[in-house]
Full PDB file with SEQRES, HELIX, SHEET, SSBOND, CRYST1, ORIGX, SCALE, CONECT and MASTER records, all heavy atoms in Angstrom:
SEQRES   1 A   40  GLU LEU SER TYR ASP VAL SER CYS ARG ALA GLU GLU LEU          
SEQRES   2 A   40  PHE GLN HIS LEU GLN HIS TYR LYS ASN THR TYR ARG LEU          
SEQRES   3 A   40  VAL ILE LEU CYS ASN CYS GLU ARG GLU HIS SER TYR ILE          
SEQRES   4 A   40  PRO                                                          
HELIX    1 AA1 TYR A    4  LEU A   17  1                                  14    
HELIX    2 AA2 CYS A   32  ARG A   34  5                                   3    
CRYST1    1.000    1.000    1.000  90.00  90.00  90.00 P 1           1          
ORIGX1      1.000000  0.000000  0.000000        0.00000                         
ORIGX2      0.000000  1.000000  0.000000        0.00000                         
ORIGX3      0.000000  0.000000  1.000000        0.00000                         
SCALE1      1.000000  0.000000  0.000000        0.00000                         
SCALE2      0.000000  1.000000  0.000000        0.00000                         
SCALE3      0.000000  0.000000  1.000000        0.00000                         
ATOM      1  N   GLU A   1      -1.085  12.514  -6.405  1.00  0.00           N  
ATOM      2  CA  GLU A   1      -0.380  13.454  -5.539  1.00  0.00           C  
ATOM      3  C   GLU A   1       1.132  13.365  -5.648  1.00  0.00           C  
ATOM      4  O   GLU A   1       1.846  14.176  -5.058  1.00  0.00           O  
ATOM      5  CB  GLU A   1      -0.817  13.268  -4.087  1.00  0.00           C  
ATOM      6  CG  GLU A   1      -2.260  13.652  -3.861  1.00  0.00           C  
ATOM      7  CD  GLU A   1      -2.601  13.819  -2.400  1.00  0.00           C  
ATOM      8  OE1 GLU A   1      -1.660  13.927  -1.574  1.00  0.00           O  
ATOM      9  OE2 GLU A   1      -3.792  13.843  -2.093  1.00  0.00           O  
ATOM     10  N   LEU A   2       1.640  12.401  -6.397  1.00  0.00           N  
ATOM     11  CA  LEU A   2       3.094  12.294  -6.570  1.00  0.00           C  
ATOM     12  C   LEU A   2       3.610  13.527  -7.302  1.00  0.00           C  
ATOM     13  O   LEU A   2       2.932  14.070  -8.175  1.00  0.00           O  
ATOM     14  CB  LEU A   2       3.451  11.042  -7.374  1.00  0.00           C  
ATOM     15  CG  LEU A   2       3.152   9.696  -6.717  1.00  0.00           C  
ATOM     16  CD1 LEU A   2       3.390   8.563  -7.697  1.00  0.00           C  
ATOM     17  CD2 LEU A   2       3.984   9.517  -5.465  1.00  0.00           C  
ATOM     18  N   SER A   3       4.824  13.937  -6.970  1.00  0.00           N  
ATOM     19  CA  SER A   3       5.417  15.078  -7.669  1.00  0.00           C  
ATOM     20  C   SER A   3       5.657  14.705  -9.133  1.00  0.00           C  
ATOM     21  O   SER A   3       5.690  13.528  -9.502  1.00  0.00           O  
ATOM     22  CB  SER A   3       6.743  15.475  -7.012  1.00  0.00           C  
ATOM     23  OG  SER A   3       7.720  14.479  -7.252  1.00  0.00           O  
ATOM     24  N   TYR A   4       5.839  15.717  -9.957  1.00  0.00           N  
ATOM     25  CA  TYR A   4       6.046  15.487 -11.391  1.00  0.00           C  
ATOM     26  C   TYR A   4       7.283  14.623 -11.628  1.00  0.00           C  
ATOM     27  O   TYR A   4       7.254  13.672 -12.406  1.00  0.00           O  
ATOM     28  CB  TYR A   4       6.169  16.826 -12.122  1.00  0.00           C  
ATOM     29  CG  TYR A   4       6.374  16.676 -13.604  1.00  0.00           C  
ATOM     30  CD1 TYR A   4       5.301  16.378 -14.447  1.00  0.00           C  
ATOM     31  CD2 TYR A   4       7.642  16.793 -14.169  1.00  0.00           C  
ATOM     32  CE1 TYR A   4       5.487  16.215 -15.808  1.00  0.00           C  
ATOM     33  CE2 TYR A   4       7.832  16.633 -15.530  1.00  0.00           C  
ATOM     34  CZ  TYR A   4       6.756  16.349 -16.344  1.00  0.00           C  
ATOM     35  OH  TYR A   4       6.945  16.180 -17.689  1.00  0.00           O  
ATOM     36  N   ASP A   5       8.373  14.939 -10.944  1.00  0.00           N  
ATOM     37  CA  ASP A   5       9.622  14.193 -11.110  1.00  0.00           C  
ATOM     38  C   ASP A   5       9.444  12.724 -10.719  1.00  0.00           C  
ATOM     39  O   ASP A   5       9.854  11.820 -11.446  1.00  0.00           O  
ATOM     40  CB  ASP A   5      10.736  14.843 -10.284  1.00  0.00           C  
ATOM     41  CG  ASP A   5      12.054  14.117 -10.432  1.00  0.00           C  
ATOM     42  OD1 ASP A   5      12.482  13.904 -11.587  1.00  0.00           O  
ATOM     43  OD2 ASP A   5      12.644  13.736  -9.394  1.00  0.00           O  
ATOM     44  N   VAL A   6       8.818  12.486  -9.579  1.00  0.00           N  
ATOM     45  CA  VAL A   6       8.599  11.111  -9.112  1.00  0.00           C  
ATOM     46  C   VAL A   6       7.661  10.382 -10.070  1.00  0.00           C  
ATOM     47  O   VAL A   6       7.877   9.211 -10.391  1.00  0.00           O  
ATOM     48  CB  VAL A   6       8.044  11.109  -7.667  1.00  0.00           C  
ATOM     49  CG1 VAL A   6       7.608   9.716  -7.248  1.00  0.00           C  
ATOM     50  CG2 VAL A   6       9.092  11.653  -6.705  1.00  0.00           C  
ATOM     51  N   SER A   7       6.636  11.067 -10.562  1.00  0.00           N  
ATOM     52  CA  SER A   7       5.698  10.457 -11.508  1.00  0.00           C  
ATOM     53  C   SER A   7       6.394  10.036 -12.793  1.00  0.00           C  
ATOM     54  O   SER A   7       6.150   8.940 -13.314  1.00  0.00           O  
ATOM     55  CB  SER A   7       4.568  11.431 -11.832  1.00  0.00           C  
ATOM     56  OG  SER A   7       3.808  11.712 -10.692  1.00  0.00           O  
ATOM     57  N   CYS A   8       7.261  10.902 -13.314  1.00  0.00           N  
ATOM     58  CA  CYS A   8       8.001  10.574 -14.546  1.00  0.00           C  
ATOM     59  C   CYS A   8       8.891   9.358 -14.341  1.00  0.00           C  
ATOM     60  O   CYS A   8       8.932   8.448 -15.180  1.00  0.00           O  
ATOM     61  CB  CYS A   8       8.845  11.762 -14.996  1.00  0.00           C  
ATOM     62  SG  CYS A   8       7.903  13.145 -15.625  1.00  0.00           S  
ATOM     63  N   ARG A   9       9.595   9.337 -13.218  1.00  0.00           N  
ATOM     64  CA  ARG A   9      10.479   8.204 -12.934  1.00  0.00           C  
ATOM     65  C   ARG A   9       9.683   6.925 -12.718  1.00  0.00           C  
ATOM     66  O   ARG A   9      10.110   5.837 -13.121  1.00  0.00           O  
ATOM     67  CB  ARG A   9      11.365   8.529 -11.747  1.00  0.00           C  
ATOM     68  CG  ARG A   9      12.375   9.632 -12.110  1.00  0.00           C  
ATOM     69  CD  ARG A   9      13.239  10.077 -10.982  1.00  0.00           C  
ATOM     70  NE  ARG A   9      14.103   9.009 -10.507  1.00  0.00           N  
ATOM     71  CZ  ARG A   9      14.828   9.098  -9.400  1.00  0.00           C  
ATOM     72  NH1 ARG A   9      14.818  10.210  -8.692  1.00  0.00           N  
ATOM     73  NH2 ARG A   9      15.576   8.105  -9.013  1.00  0.00           N  
ATOM     74  N   ALA A  10       8.497   7.041 -12.119  1.00  0.00           N  
ATOM     75  CA  ALA A  10       7.636   5.873 -11.910  1.00  0.00           C  
ATOM     76  C   ALA A  10       7.167   5.315 -13.243  1.00  0.00           C  
ATOM     77  O   ALA A  10       7.153   4.092 -13.447  1.00  0.00           O  
ATOM     78  CB  ALA A  10       6.446   6.249 -11.036  1.00  0.00           C  
ATOM     79  N   GLU A  11       6.789   6.204 -14.164  1.00  0.00           N  
ATOM     80  CA  GLU A  11       6.353   5.740 -15.479  1.00  0.00           C  
ATOM     81  C   GLU A  11       7.486   5.022 -16.208  1.00  0.00           C  
ATOM     82  O   GLU A  11       7.292   3.950 -16.786  1.00  0.00           O  
ATOM     83  CB  GLU A  11       5.860   6.904 -16.334  1.00  0.00           C  
ATOM     84  CG  GLU A  11       5.425   6.446 -17.705  1.00  0.00           C  
ATOM     85  CD  GLU A  11       5.367   7.539 -18.746  1.00  0.00           C  
ATOM     86  OE1 GLU A  11       5.813   8.661 -18.470  1.00  0.00           O  
ATOM     87  OE2 GLU A  11       4.904   7.248 -19.861  1.00  0.00           O  
ATOM     88  N   GLU A  12       8.676   5.599 -16.173  1.00  0.00           N  
ATOM     89  CA  GLU A  12       9.827   4.969 -16.830  1.00  0.00           C  
ATOM     90  C   GLU A  12      10.097   3.585 -16.250  1.00  0.00           C  
ATOM     91  O   GLU A  12      10.325   2.625 -16.994  1.00  0.00           O  
ATOM     92  CB  GLU A  12      11.071   5.847 -16.671  1.00  0.00           C  
ATOM     93  CG  GLU A  12      11.037   7.126 -17.468  1.00  0.00           C  
ATOM     94  CD  GLU A  12      12.193   8.063 -17.111  1.00  0.00           C  
ATOM     95  OE1 GLU A  12      13.128   7.635 -16.387  1.00  0.00           O  
ATOM     96  OE2 GLU A  12      12.151   9.214 -17.549  1.00  0.00           O  
ATOM     97  N   LEU A  13      10.080   3.492 -14.941  1.00  0.00           N  
ATOM     98  CA  LEU A  13      10.335   2.211 -14.291  1.00  0.00           C  
ATOM     99  C   LEU A  13       9.231   1.212 -14.625  1.00  0.00           C  
ATOM    100  O   LEU A  13       9.509   0.039 -14.896  1.00  0.00           O  
ATOM    101  CB  LEU A  13      10.453   2.396 -12.777  1.00  0.00           C  
ATOM    102  CG  LEU A  13      10.825   1.149 -11.987  1.00  0.00           C  
ATOM    103  CD1 LEU A  13      12.173   0.597 -12.434  1.00  0.00           C  
ATOM    104  CD2 LEU A  13      10.846   1.461 -10.499  1.00  0.00           C  
ATOM    105  N   PHE A  14       7.994   1.647 -14.618  1.00  0.00           N  
ATOM    106  CA  PHE A  14       6.880   0.770 -14.976  1.00  0.00           C  
ATOM    107  C   PHE A  14       7.070   0.213 -16.386  1.00  0.00           C  
ATOM    108  O   PHE A  14       6.914  -0.986 -16.607  1.00  0.00           O  
ATOM    109  CB  PHE A  14       5.546   1.522 -14.883  1.00  0.00           C  
ATOM    110  CG  PHE A  14       4.379   0.695 -15.325  1.00  0.00           C  
ATOM    111  CD1 PHE A  14       3.785  -0.204 -14.455  1.00  0.00           C  
ATOM    112  CD2 PHE A  14       3.876   0.802 -16.606  1.00  0.00           C  
ATOM    113  CE1 PHE A  14       2.705  -0.985 -14.867  1.00  0.00           C  
ATOM    114  CE2 PHE A  14       2.803   0.028 -17.032  1.00  0.00           C  
ATOM    115  CZ  PHE A  14       2.218  -0.863 -16.152  1.00  0.00           C  
ATOM    116  N   GLN A  15       7.406   1.085 -17.340  1.00  0.00           N  
ATOM    117  CA  GLN A  15       7.610   0.651 -18.726  1.00  0.00           C  
ATOM    118  C   GLN A  15       8.732  -0.381 -18.806  1.00  0.00           C  
ATOM    119  O   GLN A  15       8.632  -1.354 -19.558  1.00  0.00           O  
ATOM    120  CB  GLN A  15       7.929   1.851 -19.632  1.00  0.00           C  
ATOM    121  CG  GLN A  15       6.815   2.855 -19.754  1.00  0.00           C  
ATOM    122  CD  GLN A  15       5.538   2.288 -20.344  1.00  0.00           C  
ATOM    123  OE1 GLN A  15       5.553   1.316 -21.077  1.00  0.00           O  
ATOM    124  NE2 GLN A  15       4.419   2.898 -20.013  1.00  0.00           N  
ATOM    125  N   HIS A  16       9.768  -0.190 -18.018  1.00  0.00           N  
ATOM    126  CA  HIS A  16      10.907  -1.119 -18.021  1.00  0.00           C  
ATOM    127  C   HIS A  16      10.546  -2.449 -17.348  1.00  0.00           C  
ATOM    128  O   HIS A  16      10.888  -3.521 -17.866  1.00  0.00           O  
ATOM    129  CB  HIS A  16      12.096  -0.471 -17.316  1.00  0.00           C  
ATOM    130  CG  HIS A  16      13.274  -1.376 -17.164  1.00  0.00           C  
ATOM    131  ND1 HIS A  16      14.066  -1.751 -18.232  1.00  0.00           N  
ATOM    132  CD2 HIS A  16      13.779  -1.996 -16.076  1.00  0.00           C  
ATOM    133  CE1 HIS A  16      15.013  -2.570 -17.797  1.00  0.00           C  
ATOM    134  NE2 HIS A  16      14.858  -2.731 -16.496  1.00  0.00           N  
ATOM    135  N   LEU A  17       9.858  -2.387 -16.218  1.00  0.00           N  
ATOM    136  CA  LEU A  17       9.602  -3.591 -15.429  1.00  0.00           C  
ATOM    137  C   LEU A  17       8.441  -4.438 -15.933  1.00  0.00           C  
ATOM    138  O   LEU A  17       8.406  -5.638 -15.657  1.00  0.00           O  
ATOM    139  CB  LEU A  17       9.334  -3.221 -13.971  1.00  0.00           C  
ATOM    140  CG  LEU A  17      10.511  -2.673 -13.178  1.00  0.00           C  
ATOM    141  CD1 LEU A  17      10.056  -2.284 -11.776  1.00  0.00           C  
ATOM    142  CD2 LEU A  17      11.639  -3.683 -13.109  1.00  0.00           C  
ATOM    143  N   GLN A  18       7.505  -3.853 -16.634  1.00  0.00           N  
ATOM    144  CA  GLN A  18       6.340  -4.646 -17.035  1.00  0.00           C  
ATOM    145  C   GLN A  18       6.706  -5.781 -17.974  1.00  0.00           C  
ATOM    146  O   GLN A  18       5.941  -6.723 -18.148  1.00  0.00           O  
ATOM    147  CB  GLN A  18       5.255  -3.762 -17.626  1.00  0.00           C  
ATOM    148  CG  GLN A  18       5.521  -3.255 -19.011  1.00  0.00           C  
ATOM    149  CD  GLN A  18       4.327  -2.489 -19.555  1.00  0.00           C  
ATOM    150  OE1 GLN A  18       3.272  -2.443 -18.956  1.00  0.00           O  
ATOM    151  NE2 GLN A  18       4.510  -1.877 -20.694  1.00  0.00           N  
ATOM    152  N   HIS A  19       7.884  -5.757 -18.559  1.00  0.00           N  
ATOM    153  CA  HIS A  19       8.332  -6.832 -19.446  1.00  0.00           C  
ATOM    154  C   HIS A  19       8.738  -8.083 -18.664  1.00  0.00           C  
ATOM    155  O   HIS A  19       8.800  -9.159 -19.225  1.00  0.00           O  
ATOM    156  CB  HIS A  19       9.493  -6.359 -20.316  1.00  0.00           C  
ATOM    157  CG  HIS A  19       9.134  -5.155 -21.142  1.00  0.00           C  
ATOM    158  ND1 HIS A  19       8.199  -5.199 -22.146  1.00  0.00           N  
ATOM    159  CD2 HIS A  19       9.547  -3.869 -21.073  1.00  0.00           C  
ATOM    160  CE1 HIS A  19       8.067  -3.998 -22.683  1.00  0.00           C  
ATOM    161  NE2 HIS A  19       8.880  -3.171 -22.051  1.00  0.00           N  
ATOM    162  N   TYR A  20       9.009  -7.919 -17.347  1.00  0.00           N  
ATOM    163  CA  TYR A  20       9.399  -9.064 -16.529  1.00  0.00           C  
ATOM    164  C   TYR A  20       8.217  -9.973 -16.218  1.00  0.00           C  
ATOM    165  O   TYR A  20       8.372 -11.162 -16.020  1.00  0.00           O  
ATOM    166  CB  TYR A  20      10.009  -8.602 -15.194  1.00  0.00           C  
ATOM    167  CG  TYR A  20      11.406  -8.090 -15.333  1.00  0.00           C  
ATOM    168  CD1 TYR A  20      11.661  -6.728 -15.391  1.00  0.00           C  
ATOM    169  CD2 TYR A  20      12.480  -8.970 -15.406  1.00  0.00           C  
ATOM    170  CE1 TYR A  20      12.951  -6.249 -15.515  1.00  0.00           C  
ATOM    171  CE2 TYR A  20      13.774  -8.499 -15.541  1.00  0.00           C  
ATOM    172  CZ  TYR A  20      14.003  -7.136 -15.593  1.00  0.00           C  
ATOM    173  OH  TYR A  20      15.269  -6.675 -15.717  1.00  0.00           O  
ATOM    174  N   LYS A  21       7.059  -9.386 -16.130  1.00  0.00           N  
ATOM    175  CA  LYS A  21       5.898 -10.156 -15.703  1.00  0.00           C  
ATOM    176  C   LYS A  21       4.686  -9.687 -16.500  1.00  0.00           C  
ATOM    177  O   LYS A  21       4.291  -8.538 -16.398  1.00  0.00           O  
ATOM    178  CB  LYS A  21       5.675  -9.940 -14.203  1.00  0.00           C  
ATOM    179  CG  LYS A  21       4.643 -10.820 -13.581  1.00  0.00           C  
ATOM    180  CD  LYS A  21       4.637 -10.585 -12.082  1.00  0.00           C  
ATOM    181  CE  LYS A  21       3.620 -11.464 -11.387  1.00  0.00           C  
ATOM    182  NZ  LYS A  21       3.585 -11.203  -9.953  1.00  0.00           N  
ATOM    183  N   ASN A  22       4.119 -10.570 -17.278  1.00  0.00           N  
ATOM    184  CA  ASN A  22       2.983 -10.146 -18.096  1.00  0.00           C  
ATOM    185  C   ASN A  22       1.645 -10.312 -17.386  1.00  0.00           C  
ATOM    186  O   ASN A  22       0.626  -9.877 -17.887  1.00  0.00           O  
ATOM    187  CB  ASN A  22       2.975 -10.865 -19.450  1.00  0.00           C  
ATOM    188  CG  ASN A  22       2.903 -12.369 -19.297  1.00  0.00           C  
ATOM    189  OD1 ASN A  22       2.759 -12.882 -18.198  1.00  0.00           O  
ATOM    190  ND2 ASN A  22       3.016 -13.070 -20.404  1.00  0.00           N  
ATOM    191  N   THR A  23       1.642 -10.956 -16.238  1.00  0.00           N  
ATOM    192  CA  THR A  23       0.416 -11.043 -15.452  1.00  0.00           C  
ATOM    193  C   THR A  23       0.685 -10.435 -14.085  1.00  0.00           C  
ATOM    194  O   THR A  23       1.321 -11.037 -13.234  1.00  0.00           O  
ATOM    195  CB  THR A  23      -0.053 -12.495 -15.281  1.00  0.00           C  
ATOM    196  OG1 THR A  23       0.999 -13.239 -14.659  1.00  0.00           O  
ATOM    197  CG2 THR A  23      -0.401 -13.123 -16.616  1.00  0.00           C  
ATOM    198  N   TYR A  24       0.244  -9.244 -13.897  1.00  0.00           N  
ATOM    199  CA  TYR A  24       0.383  -8.568 -12.618  1.00  0.00           C  
ATOM    200  C   TYR A  24      -0.940  -7.914 -12.282  1.00  0.00           C  
ATOM    201  O   TYR A  24      -1.796  -7.730 -13.144  1.00  0.00           O  
ATOM    202  CB  TYR A  24       1.506  -7.527 -12.650  1.00  0.00           C  
ATOM    203  CG  TYR A  24       1.347  -6.504 -13.750  1.00  0.00           C  
ATOM    204  CD1 TYR A  24       0.594  -5.356 -13.552  1.00  0.00           C  
ATOM    205  CD2 TYR A  24       1.932  -6.696 -14.991  1.00  0.00           C  
ATOM    206  CE1 TYR A  24       0.430  -4.429 -14.566  1.00  0.00           C  
ATOM    207  CE2 TYR A  24       1.780  -5.776 -16.008  1.00  0.00           C  
ATOM    208  CZ  TYR A  24       1.025  -4.645 -15.784  1.00  0.00           C  
ATOM    209  OH  TYR A  24       0.852  -3.731 -16.780  1.00  0.00           O  
ATOM    210  N   ARG A  25      -1.112  -7.594 -11.016  1.00  0.00           N  
ATOM    211  CA  ARG A  25      -2.338  -6.945 -10.565  1.00  0.00           C  
ATOM    212  C   ARG A  25      -1.959  -5.641  -9.891  1.00  0.00           C  
ATOM    213  O   ARG A  25      -1.441  -5.636  -8.786  1.00  0.00           O  
ATOM    214  CB  ARG A  25      -3.078  -7.832  -9.579  1.00  0.00           C  
ATOM    215  CG  ARG A  25      -3.501  -9.155 -10.160  1.00  0.00           C  
ATOM    216  CD  ARG A  25      -4.292  -9.897  -9.130  1.00  0.00           C  
ATOM    217  NE  ARG A  25      -4.362 -11.300  -9.423  1.00  0.00           N  
ATOM    218  CZ  ARG A  25      -5.111 -12.130  -8.731  1.00  0.00           C  
ATOM    219  NH1 ARG A  25      -5.836 -11.697  -7.731  1.00  0.00           N  
ATOM    220  NH2 ARG A  25      -5.134 -13.395  -9.039  1.00  0.00           N  
ATOM    221  N   LEU A  26      -2.223  -4.562 -10.582  1.00  0.00           N  
ATOM    222  CA  LEU A  26      -1.902  -3.232 -10.061  1.00  0.00           C  
ATOM    223  C   LEU A  26      -3.120  -2.340 -10.207  1.00  0.00           C  
ATOM    224  O   LEU A  26      -3.661  -2.188 -11.298  1.00  0.00           O  
ATOM    225  CB  LEU A  26      -0.719  -2.622 -10.816  1.00  0.00           C  
ATOM    226  CG  LEU A  26      -0.341  -1.179 -10.451  1.00  0.00           C  
ATOM    227  CD1 LEU A  26       0.057  -1.061  -8.988  1.00  0.00           C  
ATOM    228  CD2 LEU A  26       0.776  -0.696 -11.364  1.00  0.00           C  
ATOM    229  N   VAL A  27      -3.556  -1.774  -9.090  1.00  0.00           N  
ATOM    230  CA  VAL A  27      -4.671  -0.843  -9.078  1.00  0.00           C  
ATOM    231  C   VAL A  27      -4.119   0.510  -8.658  1.00  0.00           C  
ATOM    232  O   VAL A  27      -3.399   0.619  -7.665  1.00  0.00           O  
ATOM    233  CB  VAL A  27      -5.768  -1.290  -8.079  1.00  0.00           C  
ATOM    234  CG1 VAL A  27      -6.907  -0.283  -8.020  1.00  0.00           C  
ATOM    235  CG2 VAL A  27      -6.285  -2.675  -8.444  1.00  0.00           C  
ATOM    236  N   ILE A  28      -4.432   1.533  -9.432  1.00  0.00           N  
ATOM    237  CA  ILE A  28      -3.995   2.892  -9.119  1.00  0.00           C  
ATOM    238  C   ILE A  28      -5.248   3.719  -8.874  1.00  0.00           C  
ATOM    239  O   ILE A  28      -6.062   3.899  -9.776  1.00  0.00           O  
ATOM    240  CB  ILE A  28      -3.164   3.494 -10.268  1.00  0.00           C  
ATOM    241  CG1 ILE A  28      -1.940   2.628 -10.547  1.00  0.00           C  
ATOM    242  CG2 ILE A  28      -2.755   4.923  -9.928  1.00  0.00           C  
ATOM    243  CD1 ILE A  28      -1.135   3.061 -11.765  1.00  0.00           C  
ATOM    244  N   LEU A  29      -5.399   4.203  -7.646  1.00  0.00           N  
ATOM    245  CA  LEU A  29      -6.560   5.014  -7.287  1.00  0.00           C  
ATOM    246  C   LEU A  29      -6.150   6.471  -7.209  1.00  0.00           C  
ATOM    247  O   LEU A  29      -5.153   6.815  -6.587  1.00  0.00           O  
ATOM    248  CB  LEU A  29      -7.135   4.569  -5.941  1.00  0.00           C  
ATOM    249  CG  LEU A  29      -7.678   3.144  -5.900  1.00  0.00           C  
ATOM    250  CD1 LEU A  29      -8.103   2.777  -4.496  1.00  0.00           C  
ATOM    251  CD2 LEU A  29      -8.831   2.975  -6.857  1.00  0.00           C  
ATOM    252  N   CYS A  30      -6.944   7.324  -7.856  1.00  0.00           N  
ATOM    253  CA  CYS A  30      -6.661   8.755  -7.904  1.00  0.00           C  
ATOM    254  C   CYS A  30      -7.919   9.549  -7.602  1.00  0.00           C  
ATOM    255  O   CYS A  30      -9.037   9.058  -7.783  1.00  0.00           O  
ATOM    256  CB  CYS A  30      -6.139   9.146  -9.286  1.00  0.00           C  
ATOM    257  SG  CYS A  30      -4.624   8.307  -9.752  1.00  0.00           S  
ATOM    258  N   ASN A  31      -7.712  10.783  -7.218  1.00  0.00           N  
ATOM    259  CA  ASN A  31      -8.809  11.712  -6.990  1.00  0.00           C  
ATOM    260  C   ASN A  31      -9.334  12.159  -8.353  1.00  0.00           C  
ATOM    261  O   ASN A  31      -8.568  12.636  -9.190  1.00  0.00           O  
ATOM    262  CB  ASN A  31      -8.300  12.905  -6.182  1.00  0.00           C  
ATOM    263  CG  ASN A  31      -9.384  13.882  -5.834  1.00  0.00           C  
ATOM    264  OD1 ASN A  31     -10.427  13.963  -6.477  1.00  0.00           O  
ATOM    265  ND2 ASN A  31      -9.140  14.655  -4.796  1.00  0.00           N  
ATOM    266  N   CYS A  32     -10.636  12.041  -8.572  1.00  0.00           N  
ATOM    267  CA  CYS A  32     -11.192  12.396  -9.887  1.00  0.00           C  
ATOM    268  C   CYS A  32     -11.031  13.881 -10.188  1.00  0.00           C  
ATOM    269  O   CYS A  32     -11.048  14.288 -11.350  1.00  0.00           O  
ATOM    270  CB  CYS A  32     -12.654  11.984  -9.993  1.00  0.00           C  
ATOM    271  SG  CYS A  32     -13.754  12.827  -8.864  1.00  0.00           S  
ATOM    272  N   GLU A  33     -10.840  14.697  -9.164  1.00  0.00           N  
ATOM    273  CA  GLU A  33     -10.637  16.132  -9.385  1.00  0.00           C  
ATOM    274  C   GLU A  33      -9.225  16.438  -9.894  1.00  0.00           C  
ATOM    275  O   GLU A  33      -8.960  17.544 -10.330  1.00  0.00           O  
ATOM    276  CB  GLU A  33     -10.922  16.905  -8.107  1.00  0.00           C  
ATOM    277  CG  GLU A  33     -12.390  16.831  -7.699  1.00  0.00           C  
ATOM    278  CD  GLU A  33     -12.659  17.473  -6.368  1.00  0.00           C  
ATOM    279  OE1 GLU A  33     -11.722  18.073  -5.777  1.00  0.00           O  
ATOM    280  OE2 GLU A  33     -13.810  17.391  -5.906  1.00  0.00           O  
ATOM    281  N   ARG A  34      -8.323  15.459  -9.807  1.00  0.00           N  
ATOM    282  CA  ARG A  34      -6.949  15.644 -10.267  1.00  0.00           C  
ATOM    283  C   ARG A  34      -6.622  14.676 -11.410  1.00  0.00           C  
ATOM    284  O   ARG A  34      -5.488  14.253 -11.562  1.00  0.00           O  
ATOM    285  CB  ARG A  34      -5.991  15.440  -9.098  1.00  0.00           C  
ATOM    286  CG  ARG A  34      -6.151  16.485  -8.006  1.00  0.00           C  
ATOM    287  CD  ARG A  34      -5.198  16.238  -6.847  1.00  0.00           C  
ATOM    288  NE  ARG A  34      -3.867  15.866  -7.255  1.00  0.00           N  
ATOM    289  CZ  ARG A  34      -2.833  16.700  -7.386  1.00  0.00           C  
ATOM    290  NH1 ARG A  34      -2.996  17.962  -7.143  1.00  0.00           N  
ATOM    291  NH2 ARG A  34      -1.650  16.249  -7.752  1.00  0.00           N  
ATOM    292  N   GLU A  35      -7.617  14.367 -12.221  1.00  0.00           N  
ATOM    293  CA  GLU A  35      -7.427  13.384 -13.283  1.00  0.00           C  
ATOM    294  C   GLU A  35      -6.480  13.838 -14.376  1.00  0.00           C  
ATOM    295  O   GLU A  35      -6.066  13.027 -15.204  1.00  0.00           O  
ATOM    296  CB  GLU A  35      -8.775  12.979 -13.883  1.00  0.00           C  
ATOM    297  CG  GLU A  35      -9.476  14.082 -14.632  1.00  0.00           C  
ATOM    298  CD  GLU A  35     -10.808  13.628 -15.185  1.00  0.00           C  
ATOM    299  OE1 GLU A  35     -10.927  12.458 -15.586  1.00  0.00           O  
ATOM    300  OE2 GLU A  35     -11.734  14.441 -15.195  1.00  0.00           O  
ATOM    301  N   HIS A  36      -6.124  15.107 -14.400  1.00  0.00           N  
ATOM    302  CA  HIS A  36      -5.216  15.596 -15.434  1.00  0.00           C  
ATOM    303  C   HIS A  36      -3.772  15.684 -14.937  1.00  0.00           C  
ATOM    304  O   HIS A  36      -2.910  16.173 -15.663  1.00  0.00           O  
ATOM    305  CB  HIS A  36      -5.686  16.952 -15.959  1.00  0.00           C  
ATOM    306  CG  HIS A  36      -7.038  16.868 -16.592  1.00  0.00           C  
ATOM    307  ND1 HIS A  36      -7.277  16.137 -17.738  1.00  0.00           N  
ATOM    308  CD2 HIS A  36      -8.229  17.380 -16.215  1.00  0.00           C  
ATOM    309  CE1 HIS A  36      -8.558  16.222 -18.048  1.00  0.00           C  
ATOM    310  NE2 HIS A  36      -9.161  16.962 -17.140  1.00  0.00           N  
ATOM    311  N   SER A  37      -3.514  15.198 -13.735  1.00  0.00           N  
ATOM    312  CA  SER A  37      -2.129  15.165 -13.276  1.00  0.00           C  
ATOM    313  C   SER A  37      -1.408  14.021 -13.997  1.00  0.00           C  
ATOM    314  O   SER A  37      -2.008  13.255 -14.746  1.00  0.00           O  
ATOM    315  CB  SER A  37      -2.055  15.031 -11.752  1.00  0.00           C  
ATOM    316  OG  SER A  37      -2.700  13.866 -11.333  1.00  0.00           O  
ATOM    317  N   TYR A  38      -0.114  13.892 -13.770  1.00  0.00           N  
ATOM    318  CA  TYR A  38       0.732  13.030 -14.594  1.00  0.00           C  
ATOM    319  C   TYR A  38       0.308  11.553 -14.602  1.00  0.00           C  
ATOM    320  O   TYR A  38       0.062  10.980 -15.666  1.00  0.00           O  
ATOM    321  CB  TYR A  38       2.193  13.164 -14.147  1.00  0.00           C  
ATOM    322  CG  TYR A  38       3.148  12.581 -15.148  1.00  0.00           C  
ATOM    323  CD1 TYR A  38       3.644  13.354 -16.190  1.00  0.00           C  
ATOM    324  CD2 TYR A  38       3.546  11.258 -15.079  1.00  0.00           C  
ATOM    325  CE1 TYR A  38       4.510  12.823 -17.134  1.00  0.00           C  
ATOM    326  CE2 TYR A  38       4.420  10.721 -16.012  1.00  0.00           C  
ATOM    327  CZ  TYR A  38       4.890  11.506 -17.032  1.00  0.00           C  
ATOM    328  OH  TYR A  38       5.743  10.981 -17.962  1.00  0.00           O  
ATOM    329  N   ILE A  39       0.256  10.923 -13.444  1.00  0.00           N  
ATOM    330  CA  ILE A  39      -0.021   9.479 -13.388  1.00  0.00           C  
ATOM    331  C   ILE A  39      -1.397   9.135 -13.975  1.00  0.00           C  
ATOM    332  O   ILE A  39      -1.497   8.223 -14.801  1.00  0.00           O  
ATOM    333  CB  ILE A  39       0.146   8.931 -11.952  1.00  0.00           C  
ATOM    334  CG1 ILE A  39       1.610   8.975 -11.526  1.00  0.00           C  
ATOM    335  CG2 ILE A  39      -0.419   7.518 -11.812  1.00  0.00           C  
ATOM    336  CD1 ILE A  39       2.533   8.007 -12.233  1.00  0.00           C  
ATOM    337  N   PRO A  40      -2.472   9.835 -13.592  1.00  0.00           N  
ATOM    338  CA  PRO A  40      -3.754   9.497 -14.227  1.00  0.00           C  
ATOM    339  C   PRO A  40      -3.739   9.689 -15.741  1.00  0.00           C  
ATOM    340  O   PRO A  40      -4.372   8.916 -16.471  1.00  0.00           O  
ATOM    341  CB  PRO A  40      -4.753  10.455 -13.574  1.00  0.00           C  
ATOM    342  CG  PRO A  40      -4.124  10.842 -12.287  1.00  0.00           C  
ATOM    343  CD  PRO A  40      -2.651  10.821 -12.535  1.00  0.00           C  
TER     344      PRO A  40                                                      
MASTER        0    0    0    2    0    0    0    6  343    1    0    4          
END                                                                             
């Protein structure tokens, strides 16, 4: 449900930050009817 702009910025930040910690636990839950939106 995140807007396109927020989703893009979230992806960029994720790509940048994942190098700080190689063991993290992140679960992303989405509606299966919206599986073609940006984050999924």
